[in-house]
Each structure stands twice: as structure tokens, then as C-alpha cells.
Amino acid sequence: MSEKAKRRSMILEVLSAQRVARQEELAELLKQRGVLVTQATLSRDLRDLNVFKGPAGYVLPGQYPQPAPLSAGPLEPALRQYLVSANQAGNLLVIRTRPGHAPALASEIDRVKPSGVVGTIAGDDTVFVAVESPARTRTLLRTMRQIVDRGEKE
């Protein structure tokens, strides 16, 4: 097993065994187990392992709540009416609308507040949606696209 694989395995082991609130704390716990790691490497490992940093500390993939489904409810009509395209940029969702429609869609997203969404910024035809993590952003993007695709088929 490579050093990287061993280190990442140890990270998962530590996070499975106890709550860890800060990266410095995780680095110290790894050091106690004989694994020395820089902050940059630890950040990269956590990102690559899809570890989520929540209010209570680090959470392993599959252990944090999934975003609320958008397939039904008040956001669906707004997505079908306003969304032209959507793309991910890290933990941002970049949504394009027809001119003048971005504020209405951003307002609906803020009102519904899908799980993981931190907030929105709207221009004339673009909405930036800040999401807690890239993994949640991917899920939200996939769900929004499914809603719009389903609406086009109806």
C-alpha cells in the first residue's frame, strides 16, 4: 500500500472513531499515530475523500444528510420557467436564465432553501448559488437538470 493510501486510510479510521472539529486537531491525531502530514496535503486528502466539514466537525461521505429532494414542491415551477442552463464551479452553481429572470429564480431558491444551499447572488441573467460542498453542488445540479428535463418531456 502506498504512503498516500495508508495516510488516507488512517484519516478515515480517525474520523470514523471520533468527532474532529478542526484540521489542526486531525493533523495532531494523525501525528499521534505516526503519520506526519502538511496542511496542504491534509486539505487535498479530505477533498479527495469527499469528507464534508459541517457545523459539528468533519463528516465522512454518506454520513451527512442528503439535500432535500427538489422533485416536488415550490421550486420546481420556477426551475422549469426560468432555468436555461446550469453548471458547477467548485461549490458554486452557476445558473443562466433569460434576461431579467435571474432575480426571480434566486428569490425562489432563497425562499425554498434546499439543503446545503448557503445563499444566492443574482444578476440580470445569471444566478450564483453558494453550496456547502462540491459534492452537494453536484447533487443539486443533477436534481435541477432532472426537473428541467422531465418538464420538457411533459
N, C-alpha and C. Protein backbone atom coordinates (compact mmCIF):
# COMPACT_ATOMS: atom_id res chain seq x y z
N MET A 1 0.85 -1.17 0.00
CA MET A 1 0.00 0.00 0.00
C MET A 1 0.91 1.24 0.00
N SER A 2 0.59 2.22 -0.82
CA SER A 2 1.39 3.45 -0.91
C SER A 2 1.22 4.28 0.36
N GLU A 3 2.15 5.21 0.56
CA GLU A 3 2.07 6.11 1.73
C GLU A 3 0.78 6.92 1.70
N LYS A 4 0.41 7.39 0.49
CA LYS A 4 -0.81 8.17 0.36
C LYS A 4 -2.02 7.33 0.75
N ALA A 5 -2.09 6.11 0.28
CA ALA A 5 -3.22 5.22 0.60
C ALA A 5 -3.26 4.93 2.10
N LYS A 6 -2.11 4.71 2.71
CA LYS A 6 -2.05 4.47 4.16
C LYS A 6 -2.54 5.69 4.93
N ARG A 7 -2.06 6.87 4.51
CA ARG A 7 -2.45 8.11 5.17
C ARG A 7 -3.96 8.33 5.06
N ARG A 8 -4.49 8.13 3.89
CA ARG A 8 -5.92 8.34 3.69
C ARG A 8 -6.74 7.31 4.46
N SER A 9 -6.26 6.11 4.52
CA SER A 9 -6.93 5.07 5.31
C SER A 9 -6.95 5.47 6.78
N MET A 10 -5.83 6.01 7.26
CA MET A 10 -5.74 6.46 8.66
C MET A 10 -6.68 7.64 8.91
N ILE A 11 -6.81 8.55 7.95
CA ILE A 11 -7.74 9.68 8.09
C ILE A 11 -9.16 9.15 8.26
N LEU A 12 -9.56 8.22 7.41
CA LEU A 12 -10.91 7.64 7.51
C LEU A 12 -11.11 6.92 8.84
N GLU A 13 -10.07 6.22 9.29
CA GLU A 13 -10.15 5.50 10.57
C GLU A 13 -10.35 6.47 11.73
N VAL A 14 -9.57 7.56 11.74
CA VAL A 14 -9.68 8.55 12.81
C VAL A 14 -11.06 9.20 12.80
N LEU A 15 -11.53 9.60 11.62
CA LEU A 15 -12.83 10.28 11.54
C LEU A 15 -13.99 9.34 11.84
N SER A 16 -13.80 8.05 11.62
CA SER A 16 -14.83 7.07 11.96
C SER A 16 -14.91 6.86 13.47
N ALA A 17 -13.77 7.02 14.15
CA ALA A 17 -13.70 6.71 15.58
C ALA A 17 -14.12 7.87 16.47
N GLN A 18 -13.94 9.11 16.00
CA GLN A 18 -14.24 10.24 16.87
C GLN A 18 -14.57 11.49 16.09
N ARG A 19 -15.22 12.43 16.78
CA ARG A 19 -15.57 13.71 16.19
C ARG A 19 -14.32 14.58 16.16
N VAL A 20 -14.05 15.18 15.01
CA VAL A 20 -12.90 16.06 14.83
C VAL A 20 -13.42 17.38 14.27
N ALA A 21 -13.16 18.47 14.98
CA ALA A 21 -13.73 19.76 14.60
C ALA A 21 -12.81 20.59 13.70
N ARG A 22 -11.49 20.41 13.83
CA ARG A 22 -10.57 21.26 13.09
C ARG A 22 -9.49 20.45 12.41
N GLN A 23 -8.96 21.00 11.34
CA GLN A 23 -7.89 20.33 10.60
C GLN A 23 -6.64 20.15 11.47
N GLU A 24 -6.35 21.15 12.27
CA GLU A 24 -5.18 21.06 13.16
C GLU A 24 -5.33 19.89 14.12
N GLU A 25 -6.53 19.69 14.62
CA GLU A 25 -6.82 18.58 15.52
C GLU A 25 -6.63 17.25 14.81
N LEU A 26 -7.10 17.17 13.57
CA LEU A 26 -6.93 15.93 12.79
C LEU A 26 -5.45 15.66 12.53
N ALA A 27 -4.69 16.69 12.20
CA ALA A 27 -3.25 16.53 11.96
C ALA A 27 -2.55 16.01 13.22
N GLU A 28 -2.95 16.52 14.37
CA GLU A 28 -2.36 16.08 15.64
C GLU A 28 -2.72 14.62 15.93
N LEU A 29 -3.95 14.24 15.69
CA LEU A 29 -4.36 12.85 15.90
C LEU A 29 -3.60 11.90 14.96
N LEU A 30 -3.38 12.35 13.73
CA LEU A 30 -2.60 11.54 12.79
C LEU A 30 -1.15 11.44 13.26
N LYS A 31 -0.61 12.55 13.76
CA LYS A 31 0.78 12.57 14.25
C LYS A 31 0.95 11.57 15.40
N GLN A 32 -0.06 11.51 16.28
CA GLN A 32 -0.02 10.57 17.40
C GLN A 32 0.01 9.12 16.91
N ARG A 33 -0.46 8.91 15.70
CA ARG A 33 -0.47 7.56 15.11
C ARG A 33 0.72 7.36 14.16
N GLY A 34 1.66 8.31 14.19
CA GLY A 34 2.86 8.17 13.39
C GLY A 34 2.75 8.68 11.97
N VAL A 35 1.70 9.44 11.67
CA VAL A 35 1.50 9.96 10.31
C VAL A 35 1.69 11.47 10.34
N LEU A 36 2.78 11.95 9.74
CA LEU A 36 3.03 13.39 9.64
C LEU A 36 2.47 13.87 8.31
N VAL A 37 1.73 14.97 8.35
CA VAL A 37 1.10 15.48 7.14
C VAL A 37 1.06 17.00 7.18
N THR A 38 1.30 17.63 6.04
CA THR A 38 1.20 19.09 5.95
C THR A 38 -0.26 19.49 5.82
N GLN A 39 -0.54 20.75 6.11
CA GLN A 39 -1.91 21.26 5.99
C GLN A 39 -2.41 21.14 4.56
N ALA A 40 -1.58 21.45 3.58
CA ALA A 40 -1.99 21.38 2.17
C ALA A 40 -2.33 19.95 1.77
N THR A 41 -1.49 19.00 2.19
CA THR A 41 -1.75 17.60 1.85
C THR A 41 -3.02 17.11 2.55
N LEU A 42 -3.21 17.49 3.79
CA LEU A 42 -4.41 17.08 4.52
C LEU A 42 -5.66 17.65 3.86
N SER A 43 -5.60 18.91 3.46
CA SER A 43 -6.75 19.53 2.76
C SER A 43 -7.07 18.78 1.47
N ARG A 44 -6.05 18.45 0.72
CA ARG A 44 -6.24 17.71 -0.54
C ARG A 44 -6.82 16.32 -0.26
N ASP A 45 -6.29 15.65 0.76
CA ASP A 45 -6.80 14.32 1.11
C ASP A 45 -8.28 14.39 1.50
N LEU A 46 -8.64 15.36 2.33
CA LEU A 46 -10.04 15.49 2.76
C LEU A 46 -10.95 15.75 1.57
N ARG A 47 -10.50 16.62 0.66
CA ARG A 47 -11.30 16.91 -0.54
C ARG A 47 -11.45 15.66 -1.39
N ASP A 48 -10.34 14.96 -1.64
CA ASP A 48 -10.38 13.77 -2.49
C ASP A 48 -11.18 12.64 -1.87
N LEU A 49 -11.24 12.59 -0.55
CA LEU A 49 -12.02 11.57 0.15
C LEU A 49 -13.49 11.97 0.30
N ASN A 50 -13.84 13.17 -0.20
CA ASN A 50 -15.21 13.70 -0.10
C ASN A 50 -15.67 13.84 1.34
N VAL A 51 -14.74 14.22 2.22
CA VAL A 51 -15.08 14.46 3.62
C VAL A 51 -15.71 15.84 3.70
N PHE A 52 -16.84 15.94 4.36
CA PHE A 52 -17.61 17.17 4.48
C PHE A 52 -17.31 17.84 5.82
N LYS A 53 -17.13 19.16 5.82
CA LYS A 53 -16.92 19.91 7.06
C LYS A 53 -18.24 20.54 7.44
N GLY A 54 -18.88 19.98 8.45
CA GLY A 54 -20.16 20.50 8.91
C GLY A 54 -20.00 21.31 10.18
N PRO A 55 -21.09 21.78 10.74
CA PRO A 55 -21.04 22.59 11.95
C PRO A 55 -20.42 21.84 13.14
N ALA A 56 -20.58 20.54 13.18
CA ALA A 56 -20.06 19.75 14.31
C ALA A 56 -18.67 19.18 14.02
N GLY A 57 -18.11 19.46 12.86
CA GLY A 57 -16.80 18.94 12.50
C GLY A 57 -16.85 18.13 11.23
N TYR A 58 -15.81 17.33 11.02
CA TYR A 58 -15.69 16.56 9.79
C TYR A 58 -16.64 15.36 9.79
N VAL A 59 -17.23 15.12 8.62
CA VAL A 59 -18.19 14.03 8.46
C VAL A 59 -17.78 13.23 7.23
N LEU A 60 -17.78 11.92 7.38
CA LEU A 60 -17.42 11.04 6.27
C LEU A 60 -18.50 11.01 5.21
N PRO A 61 -18.13 10.68 3.96
CA PRO A 61 -19.14 10.59 2.90
C PRO A 61 -20.22 9.59 3.29
N GLY A 62 -21.44 9.92 2.95
CA GLY A 62 -22.56 9.03 3.24
C GLY A 62 -23.12 9.19 4.64
N GLN A 63 -22.44 9.96 5.50
CA GLN A 63 -22.92 10.15 6.86
C GLN A 63 -23.63 11.48 7.05
N TYR A 64 -23.54 12.37 6.07
CA TYR A 64 -24.24 13.64 6.22
C TYR A 64 -25.55 13.58 5.46
N PRO A 65 -26.51 14.37 5.91
CA PRO A 65 -27.83 14.34 5.29
C PRO A 65 -27.76 14.74 3.83
N GLN A 66 -28.53 14.09 3.01
CA GLN A 66 -28.59 14.42 1.59
C GLN A 66 -29.45 15.65 1.40
N PRO A 67 -29.21 16.42 0.33
CA PRO A 67 -30.05 17.59 0.08
C PRO A 67 -31.51 17.19 -0.08
N ALA A 68 -32.37 18.07 0.36
CA ALA A 68 -33.80 17.80 0.23
C ALA A 68 -34.16 17.62 -1.23
N PRO A 69 -34.99 16.66 -1.54
CA PRO A 69 -35.37 16.46 -2.93
C PRO A 69 -36.12 17.66 -3.47
N LEU A 70 -35.83 18.00 -4.72
CA LEU A 70 -36.49 19.14 -5.35
C LEU A 70 -37.55 18.69 -6.34
N SER A 71 -37.79 17.38 -6.42
CA SER A 71 -38.68 16.86 -7.45
C SER A 71 -40.11 17.32 -7.27
N ALA A 72 -40.47 17.72 -6.08
CA ALA A 72 -41.81 18.22 -5.84
C ALA A 72 -41.68 19.46 -4.98
N GLY A 73 -42.62 20.34 -5.09
CA GLY A 73 -42.58 21.50 -4.23
C GLY A 73 -42.47 22.79 -4.99
N PRO A 74 -42.31 23.86 -4.26
CA PRO A 74 -42.42 25.20 -4.83
C PRO A 74 -41.29 25.61 -5.77
N LEU A 75 -40.14 24.97 -5.70
CA LEU A 75 -39.03 25.38 -6.56
C LEU A 75 -39.17 24.81 -7.97
N GLU A 76 -39.85 23.70 -8.12
CA GLU A 76 -39.95 23.04 -9.43
C GLU A 76 -40.53 23.94 -10.52
N PRO A 77 -41.65 24.63 -10.29
CA PRO A 77 -42.18 25.51 -11.35
C PRO A 77 -41.20 26.62 -11.73
N ALA A 78 -40.51 27.19 -10.75
CA ALA A 78 -39.56 28.27 -11.03
C ALA A 78 -38.40 27.75 -11.87
N LEU A 79 -37.90 26.57 -11.55
CA LEU A 79 -36.81 26.00 -12.34
C LEU A 79 -37.26 25.77 -13.78
N ARG A 80 -38.44 25.20 -13.94
CA ARG A 80 -38.94 24.93 -15.30
C ARG A 80 -39.17 26.23 -16.08
N GLN A 81 -39.59 27.26 -15.38
CA GLN A 81 -39.90 28.52 -16.06
C GLN A 81 -38.65 29.33 -16.38
N TYR A 82 -37.67 29.37 -15.48
CA TYR A 82 -36.57 30.30 -15.62
C TYR A 82 -35.23 29.70 -16.02
N LEU A 83 -34.93 28.47 -15.63
CA LEU A 83 -33.60 27.91 -15.85
C LEU A 83 -33.34 27.63 -17.33
N VAL A 84 -32.25 28.20 -17.85
CA VAL A 84 -31.83 27.95 -19.23
C VAL A 84 -30.69 26.93 -19.22
N SER A 85 -29.70 27.13 -18.32
CA SER A 85 -28.60 26.18 -18.18
C SER A 85 -28.02 26.32 -16.78
N ALA A 86 -27.29 25.29 -16.37
CA ALA A 86 -26.65 25.32 -15.06
C ALA A 86 -25.34 24.55 -15.14
N ASN A 87 -24.33 25.08 -14.48
CA ASN A 87 -23.01 24.43 -14.44
C ASN A 87 -22.42 24.58 -13.05
N GLN A 88 -21.53 23.67 -12.71
CA GLN A 88 -20.86 23.69 -11.42
C GLN A 88 -19.49 24.34 -11.54
N ALA A 89 -19.13 25.14 -10.55
CA ALA A 89 -17.80 25.72 -10.42
C ALA A 89 -17.40 25.55 -8.96
N GLY A 90 -16.83 24.41 -8.62
CA GLY A 90 -16.47 24.11 -7.23
C GLY A 90 -17.72 23.94 -6.40
N ASN A 91 -17.88 24.78 -5.38
CA ASN A 91 -19.10 24.69 -4.58
C ASN A 91 -20.11 25.77 -4.99
N LEU A 92 -19.93 26.33 -6.18
CA LEU A 92 -20.90 27.28 -6.72
C LEU A 92 -21.68 26.63 -7.86
N LEU A 93 -22.95 26.93 -7.91
CA LEU A 93 -23.79 26.53 -9.02
C LEU A 93 -24.05 27.81 -9.81
N VAL A 94 -23.71 27.81 -11.09
CA VAL A 94 -23.89 28.98 -11.95
C VAL A 94 -25.08 28.70 -12.86
N ILE A 95 -26.16 29.42 -12.63
CA ILE A 95 -27.41 29.20 -13.36
C ILE A 95 -27.63 30.37 -14.30
N ARG A 96 -27.94 30.04 -15.56
CA ARG A 96 -28.27 31.06 -16.56
C ARG A 96 -29.78 31.06 -16.79
N THR A 97 -30.33 32.26 -16.93
CA THR A 97 -31.75 32.43 -17.23
C THR A 97 -31.88 33.34 -18.44
N ARG A 98 -33.09 33.55 -18.89
CA ARG A 98 -33.31 34.58 -19.90
C ARG A 98 -33.14 35.94 -19.22
N PRO A 99 -32.80 36.99 -19.99
CA PRO A 99 -32.57 38.31 -19.39
C PRO A 99 -33.74 38.74 -18.50
N GLY A 100 -33.37 39.23 -17.31
CA GLY A 100 -34.36 39.76 -16.38
C GLY A 100 -34.97 38.73 -15.43
N HIS A 101 -34.66 37.45 -15.61
CA HIS A 101 -35.32 36.41 -14.82
C HIS A 101 -34.48 35.88 -13.66
N ALA A 102 -33.22 36.23 -13.59
CA ALA A 102 -32.34 35.71 -12.53
C ALA A 102 -32.82 36.10 -11.12
N PRO A 103 -33.24 37.36 -10.90
CA PRO A 103 -33.67 37.71 -9.54
C PRO A 103 -34.86 36.88 -9.05
N ALA A 104 -35.79 36.58 -9.94
CA ALA A 104 -36.96 35.78 -9.55
C ALA A 104 -36.55 34.36 -9.16
N LEU A 105 -35.66 33.76 -9.93
CA LEU A 105 -35.22 32.40 -9.61
C LEU A 105 -34.40 32.40 -8.32
N ALA A 106 -33.51 33.36 -8.15
CA ALA A 106 -32.71 33.44 -6.92
C ALA A 106 -33.61 33.61 -5.70
N SER A 107 -34.63 34.42 -5.84
CA SER A 107 -35.57 34.64 -4.74
C SER A 107 -36.27 33.34 -4.35
N GLU A 108 -36.68 32.56 -5.34
CA GLU A 108 -37.32 31.27 -5.06
C GLU A 108 -36.36 30.30 -4.39
N ILE A 109 -35.12 30.26 -4.86
CA ILE A 109 -34.12 29.37 -4.25
C ILE A 109 -33.90 29.78 -2.80
N ASP A 110 -33.78 31.08 -2.53
CA ASP A 110 -33.60 31.56 -1.16
C ASP A 110 -34.81 31.24 -0.29
N ARG A 111 -35.99 31.34 -0.86
CA ARG A 111 -37.22 31.08 -0.10
C ARG A 111 -37.34 29.61 0.25
N VAL A 112 -37.08 28.73 -0.73
CA VAL A 112 -37.22 27.28 -0.53
C VAL A 112 -36.05 26.74 0.30
N LYS A 113 -34.85 27.31 0.10
CA LYS A 113 -33.64 26.94 0.84
C LYS A 113 -33.37 25.43 0.80
N PRO A 114 -33.07 24.88 -0.39
CA PRO A 114 -32.72 23.46 -0.46
C PRO A 114 -31.54 23.16 0.47
N SER A 115 -31.52 21.98 1.03
CA SER A 115 -30.46 21.59 1.95
C SER A 115 -29.10 21.77 1.31
N GLY A 116 -28.19 22.38 2.03
CA GLY A 116 -26.84 22.61 1.54
C GLY A 116 -26.64 23.97 0.91
N VAL A 117 -27.72 24.65 0.54
CA VAL A 117 -27.60 25.97 -0.08
C VAL A 117 -27.36 27.02 1.00
N VAL A 118 -26.29 27.79 0.80
CA VAL A 118 -25.92 28.83 1.76
C VAL A 118 -26.57 30.16 1.38
N GLY A 119 -26.65 30.44 0.07
CA GLY A 119 -27.26 31.69 -0.38
C GLY A 119 -27.08 31.87 -1.87
N THR A 120 -27.66 32.96 -2.38
CA THR A 120 -27.61 33.23 -3.82
C THR A 120 -27.21 34.68 -4.07
N ILE A 121 -26.70 34.90 -5.28
CA ILE A 121 -26.46 36.26 -5.79
C ILE A 121 -26.99 36.26 -7.21
N ALA A 122 -27.83 37.25 -7.53
CA ALA A 122 -28.44 37.30 -8.86
C ALA A 122 -28.04 38.56 -9.60
N GLY A 123 -27.74 38.37 -10.88
CA GLY A 123 -27.56 39.49 -11.78
C GLY A 123 -28.81 39.58 -12.63
N ASP A 124 -28.66 39.95 -13.88
CA ASP A 124 -29.79 40.06 -14.79
C ASP A 124 -30.19 38.69 -15.34
N ASP A 125 -29.18 37.91 -15.77
CA ASP A 125 -29.48 36.61 -16.37
C ASP A 125 -28.63 35.48 -15.79
N THR A 126 -28.00 35.74 -14.63
CA THR A 126 -27.14 34.73 -14.00
C THR A 126 -27.38 34.71 -12.50
N VAL A 127 -27.46 33.49 -11.96
CA VAL A 127 -27.59 33.31 -10.51
C VAL A 127 -26.39 32.48 -10.04
N PHE A 128 -25.68 32.95 -9.03
CA PHE A 128 -24.66 32.16 -8.35
C PHE A 128 -25.31 31.60 -7.09
N VAL A 129 -25.25 30.29 -6.95
CA VAL A 129 -25.79 29.64 -5.77
C VAL A 129 -24.62 29.06 -4.99
N ALA A 130 -24.37 29.56 -3.79
CA ALA A 130 -23.31 29.04 -2.94
C ALA A 130 -23.84 27.82 -2.19
N VAL A 131 -23.09 26.71 -2.30
CA VAL A 131 -23.49 25.45 -1.69
C VAL A 131 -22.38 25.01 -0.74
N GLU A 132 -22.72 24.27 0.30
CA GLU A 132 -21.77 23.89 1.35
C GLU A 132 -20.56 23.11 0.85
N SER A 133 -20.72 22.28 -0.18
CA SER A 133 -19.59 21.46 -0.64
C SER A 133 -19.75 21.14 -2.11
N PRO A 134 -18.65 20.83 -2.79
CA PRO A 134 -18.75 20.42 -4.19
C PRO A 134 -19.63 19.19 -4.39
N ALA A 135 -19.61 18.26 -3.46
CA ALA A 135 -20.45 17.06 -3.59
C ALA A 135 -21.92 17.42 -3.56
N ARG A 136 -22.31 18.30 -2.64
CA ARG A 136 -23.71 18.73 -2.58
C ARG A 136 -24.08 19.55 -3.82
N THR A 137 -23.11 20.31 -4.33
CA THR A 137 -23.36 21.10 -5.54
C THR A 137 -23.67 20.17 -6.71
N ARG A 138 -22.88 19.09 -6.86
CA ARG A 138 -23.14 18.11 -7.93
C ARG A 138 -24.53 17.51 -7.82
N THR A 139 -24.92 17.16 -6.59
CA THR A 139 -26.24 16.57 -6.37
C THR A 139 -27.34 17.55 -6.73
N LEU A 140 -27.19 18.79 -6.29
CA LEU A 140 -28.19 19.83 -6.58
C LEU A 140 -28.28 20.08 -8.08
N LEU A 141 -27.15 20.16 -8.76
CA LEU A 141 -27.12 20.37 -10.20
C LEU A 141 -27.83 19.23 -10.92
N ARG A 142 -27.50 18.01 -10.55
CA ARG A 142 -28.12 16.83 -11.18
C ARG A 142 -29.64 16.86 -10.98
N THR A 143 -30.08 17.19 -9.78
CA THR A 143 -31.51 17.23 -9.48
C THR A 143 -32.21 18.32 -10.28
N MET A 144 -31.59 19.50 -10.37
CA MET A 144 -32.19 20.60 -11.13
C MET A 144 -32.32 20.23 -12.61
N ARG A 145 -31.27 19.61 -13.15
CA ARG A 145 -31.32 19.20 -14.55
C ARG A 145 -32.40 18.15 -14.79
N GLN A 146 -32.58 17.23 -13.85
CA GLN A 146 -33.62 16.21 -13.98
C GLN A 146 -35.01 16.84 -13.99
N ILE A 147 -35.21 17.83 -13.13
CA ILE A 147 -36.50 18.52 -13.08
C ILE A 147 -36.79 19.21 -14.40
N VAL A 148 -35.81 19.94 -14.93
CA VAL A 148 -36.00 20.66 -16.19
C VAL A 148 -36.20 19.67 -17.34
N ASP A 149 -35.40 18.61 -17.40
CA ASP A 149 -35.54 17.60 -18.45
C ASP A 149 -36.90 16.94 -18.41
N ARG A 150 -37.37 16.62 -17.20
CA ARG A 150 -38.67 15.99 -17.04
C ARG A 150 -39.78 16.93 -17.50
N GLY A 151 -39.61 18.23 -17.20
CA GLY A 151 -40.60 19.22 -17.61
C GLY A 151 -40.70 19.37 -19.12
N GLU A 152 -39.55 19.21 -19.82
CA GLU A 152 -39.56 19.32 -21.27
C GLU A 152 -40.26 18.13 -21.92
N LYS A 153 -40.24 16.98 -21.25
CA LYS A 153 -40.86 15.77 -21.80
C LYS A 153 -42.37 15.75 -21.61
N GLU A 154 -42.85 16.54 -20.62
CA GLU A 154 -44.29 16.53 -20.32
C GLU A 154 -45.08 17.34 -21.32
